[in-house]
């Protein structure tokens, strides 16, 4: 643990002792600067590695299509379709269905129970 000196204590020191204290502090400052630089270099290397890992995981190479027959940029009836296979292969002139959702069948309440809504 370092000792903290007051102004009065430092004024009472002789010149040689003050020079020794100052030189010791310079040595400590240089050592701390070297350690900080080493930590910054390691952090920079880790950041570069993280960018490379993310590029390998989420980059272009992971999005390549394995099957060349899959839908991709193509022209259908004079219009360009972008990755929308449903619109490219469906019949646009087909009529819409009347009921899109299936209704749940009604159940009979058992005798003696209140009707639940």
C-alpha atoms as a PDB file:
ATOM      1  CA  UNK A   1       0.000   0.000   0.000  1.00  0.00           C
ATOM      2  CA  UNK A   2       1.305   3.408  -0.894  1.00  0.00           C
ATOM      3  CA  UNK A   3       1.786   6.179   1.619  1.00  0.00           C
ATOM      4  CA  UNK A   4       0.021   9.477   1.008  1.00  0.00           C
ATOM      5  CA  UNK A   5       2.028  12.518   1.953  1.00  0.00           C
ATOM      6  CA  UNK A   6       0.664  15.939   2.798  1.00  0.00           C
ATOM      7  CA  UNK A   7       2.072  19.230   1.511  1.00  0.00           C
ATOM      8  CA  UNK A   8       3.690  19.960   4.845  1.00  0.00           C
ATOM      9  CA  UNK A   9       5.441  16.578   4.946  1.00  0.00           C
ATOM     10  CA  UNK A  10       6.743  17.033   1.395  1.00  0.00           C
ATOM     11  CA  UNK A  11       8.030  20.536   2.261  1.00  0.00           C
ATOM     12  CA  UNK A  12      10.098  19.029   5.099  1.00  0.00           C
ATOM     13  CA  UNK A  13      11.783  16.409   2.848  1.00  0.00           C
ATOM     14  CA  UNK A  14      15.233  17.100   1.521  1.00  0.00           C
ATOM     15  CA  UNK A  15      15.874  17.374  -2.211  1.00  0.00           C
ATOM     16  CA  UNK A  16      17.493  13.930  -2.634  1.00  0.00           C
ATOM     17  CA  UNK A  17      14.505  12.117  -1.109  1.00  0.00           C
ATOM     18  CA  UNK A  18      12.063  14.022  -3.333  1.00  0.00           C
ATOM     19  CA  UNK A  19      14.123  13.098  -6.419  1.00  0.00           C
ATOM     20  CA  UNK A  20      14.057   9.410  -5.393  1.00  0.00           C
ATOM     21  CA  UNK A  21      10.274   9.542  -4.901  1.00  0.00           C
ATOM     22  CA  UNK A  22       9.790  11.199  -8.288  1.00  0.00           C
ATOM     23  CA  UNK A  23      12.000   8.663 -10.094  1.00  0.00           C
ATOM     24  CA  UNK A  24      10.123   5.798  -8.415  1.00  0.00           C
ATOM     25  CA  UNK A  25       6.823   7.254  -9.579  1.00  0.00           C
ATOM     26  CA  UNK A  26       8.156   7.559 -13.137  1.00  0.00           C
ATOM     27  CA  UNK A  27       9.106   3.861 -13.107  1.00  0.00           C
ATOM     28  CA  UNK A  28       5.643   2.894 -11.876  1.00  0.00           C
ATOM     29  CA  UNK A  29       4.015   5.088 -14.528  1.00  0.00           C
ATOM     30  CA  UNK A  30       6.057   3.468 -17.312  1.00  0.00           C
ATOM     31  CA  UNK A  31       5.143  -0.030 -16.079  1.00  0.00           C
ATOM     32  CA  UNK A  32       1.435   0.861 -15.925  1.00  0.00           C
ATOM     33  CA  UNK A  33       1.631   2.340 -19.438  1.00  0.00           C
ATOM     34  CA  UNK A  34       3.183  -0.885 -20.762  1.00  0.00           C
ATOM     35  CA  UNK A  35       0.485  -2.984 -19.091  1.00  0.00           C
ATOM     36  CA  UNK A  36      -2.262  -0.753 -20.478  1.00  0.00           C
ATOM     37  CA  UNK A  37      -0.799  -0.977 -23.984  1.00  0.00           C
ATOM     38  CA  UNK A  38      -0.575  -4.785 -23.729  1.00  0.00           C
ATOM     39  CA  UNK A  39      -4.227  -4.969 -22.629  1.00  0.00           C
ATOM     40  CA  UNK A  40      -5.285  -2.674 -25.477  1.00  0.00           C
ATOM     41  CA  UNK A  41      -3.420  -4.856 -27.983  1.00  0.00           C
ATOM     42  CA  UNK A  42      -5.093  -8.016 -26.635  1.00  0.00           C
ATOM     43  CA  UNK A  43      -8.511  -6.379 -26.746  1.00  0.00           C
ATOM     44  CA  UNK A  44      -7.929  -5.240 -30.345  1.00  0.00           C
ATOM     45  CA  UNK A  45      -6.952  -8.809 -31.317  1.00  0.00           C
ATOM     46  CA  UNK A  46     -10.075 -10.205 -29.638  1.00  0.00           C
ATOM     47  CA  UNK A  47     -12.270  -7.660 -31.439  1.00  0.00           C
ATOM     48  CA  UNK A  48     -10.746  -8.647 -34.790  1.00  0.00           C
ATOM     49  CA  UNK A  49     -11.312 -12.334 -34.018  1.00  0.00           C
ATOM     50  CA  UNK A  50     -14.924 -11.653 -33.062  1.00  0.00           C
ATOM     51  CA  UNK A  51     -15.520  -9.831 -36.355  1.00  0.00           C
ATOM     52  CA  UNK A  52     -14.012 -12.759 -38.270  1.00  0.00           C
ATOM     53  CA  UNK A  53     -16.135 -15.291 -36.360  1.00  0.00           C
ATOM     54  CA  UNK A  54     -19.280 -13.302 -37.045  1.00  0.00           C
ATOM     55  CA  UNK A  55     -18.353 -12.969 -40.708  1.00  0.00           C
ATOM     56  CA  UNK A  56     -17.820 -16.736 -40.943  1.00  0.00           C
ATOM     57  CA  UNK A  57     -21.089 -17.449 -39.156  1.00  0.00           C
ATOM     58  CA  UNK A  58     -23.380 -14.870 -40.739  1.00  0.00           C
ATOM     59  CA  UNK A  59     -21.456 -13.879 -43.881  1.00  0.00           C
ATOM     60  CA  UNK A  60     -22.162 -14.520 -47.529  1.00  0.00           C
ATOM     61  CA  UNK A  61     -20.773 -18.026 -47.487  1.00  0.00           C
ATOM     62  CA  UNK A  62     -23.443 -19.140 -45.007  1.00  0.00           C
ATOM     63  CA  UNK A  63     -26.223 -17.832 -47.253  1.00  0.00           C
ATOM     64  CA  UNK A  64     -25.278 -19.715 -50.412  1.00  0.00           C
ATOM     65  CA  UNK A  65     -28.067 -21.817 -51.890  1.00  0.00           C
ATOM     66  CA  UNK A  66     -27.265 -25.513 -51.973  1.00  0.00           C
ATOM     67  CA  UNK A  67     -30.007 -26.354 -54.462  1.00  0.00           C
ATOM     68  CA  UNK A  68     -29.809 -24.501 -57.755  1.00  0.00           C
ATOM     69  CA  UNK A  69     -33.489 -25.262 -58.469  1.00  0.00           C
ATOM     70  CA  UNK A  70     -34.723 -23.134 -55.582  1.00  0.00           C
ATOM     71  CA  UNK A  71     -36.568 -19.939 -56.375  1.00  0.00           C
ATOM     72  CA  UNK A  72     -34.391 -16.871 -56.706  1.00  0.00           C
ATOM     73  CA  UNK A  73     -34.360 -13.681 -58.750  1.00  0.00           C
ATOM     74  CA  UNK A  74     -36.385 -14.601 -61.788  1.00  0.00           C
ATOM     75  CA  UNK A  75     -38.918 -13.178 -64.175  1.00  0.00           C
ATOM     76  CA  UNK A  76     -42.453 -14.575 -64.168  1.00  0.00           C
ATOM     77  CA  UNK A  77     -44.931 -13.251 -66.737  1.00  0.00           C
ATOM     78  CA  UNK A  78     -42.842 -10.134 -67.313  1.00  0.00           C
ATOM     79  CA  UNK A  79     -42.442  -9.242 -63.620  1.00  0.00           C
ATOM     80  CA  UNK A  80     -39.423  -9.861 -61.436  1.00  0.00           C
ATOM     81  CA  UNK A  81     -40.003 -12.055 -58.391  1.00  0.00           C
ATOM     82  CA  UNK A  82     -37.580 -11.710 -55.468  1.00  0.00           C
ATOM     83  CA  UNK A  83     -37.474 -14.893 -53.361  1.00  0.00           C
ATOM     84  CA  UNK A  84     -41.283 -15.133 -53.198  1.00  0.00           C
ATOM     85  CA  UNK A  85     -42.027 -18.650 -54.324  1.00  0.00           C
ATOM     86  CA  UNK A  86     -45.663 -18.556 -53.217  1.00  0.00           C
ATOM     87  CA  UNK A  87     -46.537 -15.698 -55.557  1.00  0.00           C
ATOM     88  CA  UNK A  88     -44.424 -17.123 -58.364  1.00  0.00           C
ATOM     89  CA  UNK A  89     -46.150 -20.523 -58.473  1.00  0.00           C
ATOM     90  CA  UNK A  90     -49.713 -19.683 -57.408  1.00  0.00           C
ATOM     91  CA  UNK A  91     -52.661 -19.057 -59.734  1.00  0.00           C
ATOM     92  CA  UNK A  92     -53.477 -15.371 -59.329  1.00  0.00           C
ATOM     93  CA  UNK A  93     -56.837 -15.782 -61.123  1.00  0.00           C
ATOM     94  CA  UNK A  94     -58.113 -18.430 -58.688  1.00  0.00           C
ATOM     95  CA  UNK A  95     -61.065 -17.327 -56.516  1.00  0.00           C
ATOM     96  CA  UNK A  96     -60.466 -16.609 -52.856  1.00  0.00           C
ATOM     97  CA  UNK A  97     -61.931 -19.153 -50.419  1.00  0.00           C
ATOM     98  CA  UNK A  98     -65.015 -17.993 -48.487  1.00  0.00           C
ATOM     99  CA  UNK A  99     -63.866 -19.141 -45.078  1.00  0.00           C
ATOM    100  CA  UNK A 100     -60.150 -19.026 -44.307  1.00  0.00           C
ATOM    101  CA  UNK A 101     -60.360 -20.168 -40.673  1.00  0.00           C
ATOM    102  CA  UNK A 102     -61.784 -23.442 -39.438  1.00  0.00           C
ATOM    103  CA  UNK A 103     -64.464 -23.088 -36.769  1.00  0.00           C
ATOM    104  CA  UNK A 104     -64.299 -25.300 -33.719  1.00  0.00           C
ATOM    105  CA  UNK A 105     -67.284 -27.660 -33.422  1.00  0.00           C
ATOM    106  CA  UNK A 106     -69.762 -26.901 -30.621  1.00  0.00           C
ATOM    107  CA  UNK A 107     -69.787 -29.355 -27.732  1.00  0.00           C
ATOM    108  CA  UNK A 108     -72.856 -30.348 -25.810  1.00  0.00           C
ATOM    109  CA  UNK A 109     -72.844 -29.396 -22.154  1.00  0.00           C
ATOM    110  CA  UNK A 110     -73.149 -32.306 -19.809  1.00  0.00           C
ATOM    111  CA  UNK A 111     -76.300 -32.455 -17.719  1.00  0.00           C
ATOM    112  CA  UNK A 112     -76.141 -30.567 -14.420  1.00  0.00           C
ATOM    113  CA  UNK A 113     -73.342 -28.219 -15.444  1.00  0.00           C
ATOM    114  CA  UNK A 114     -73.722 -24.536 -16.082  1.00  0.00           C
ATOM    115  CA  UNK A 115     -73.299 -23.432 -19.669  1.00  0.00           C
ATOM    116  CA  UNK A 116     -69.840 -21.957 -20.275  1.00  0.00           C
ATOM    117  CA  UNK A 117     -69.532 -19.113 -22.719  1.00  0.00           C
END
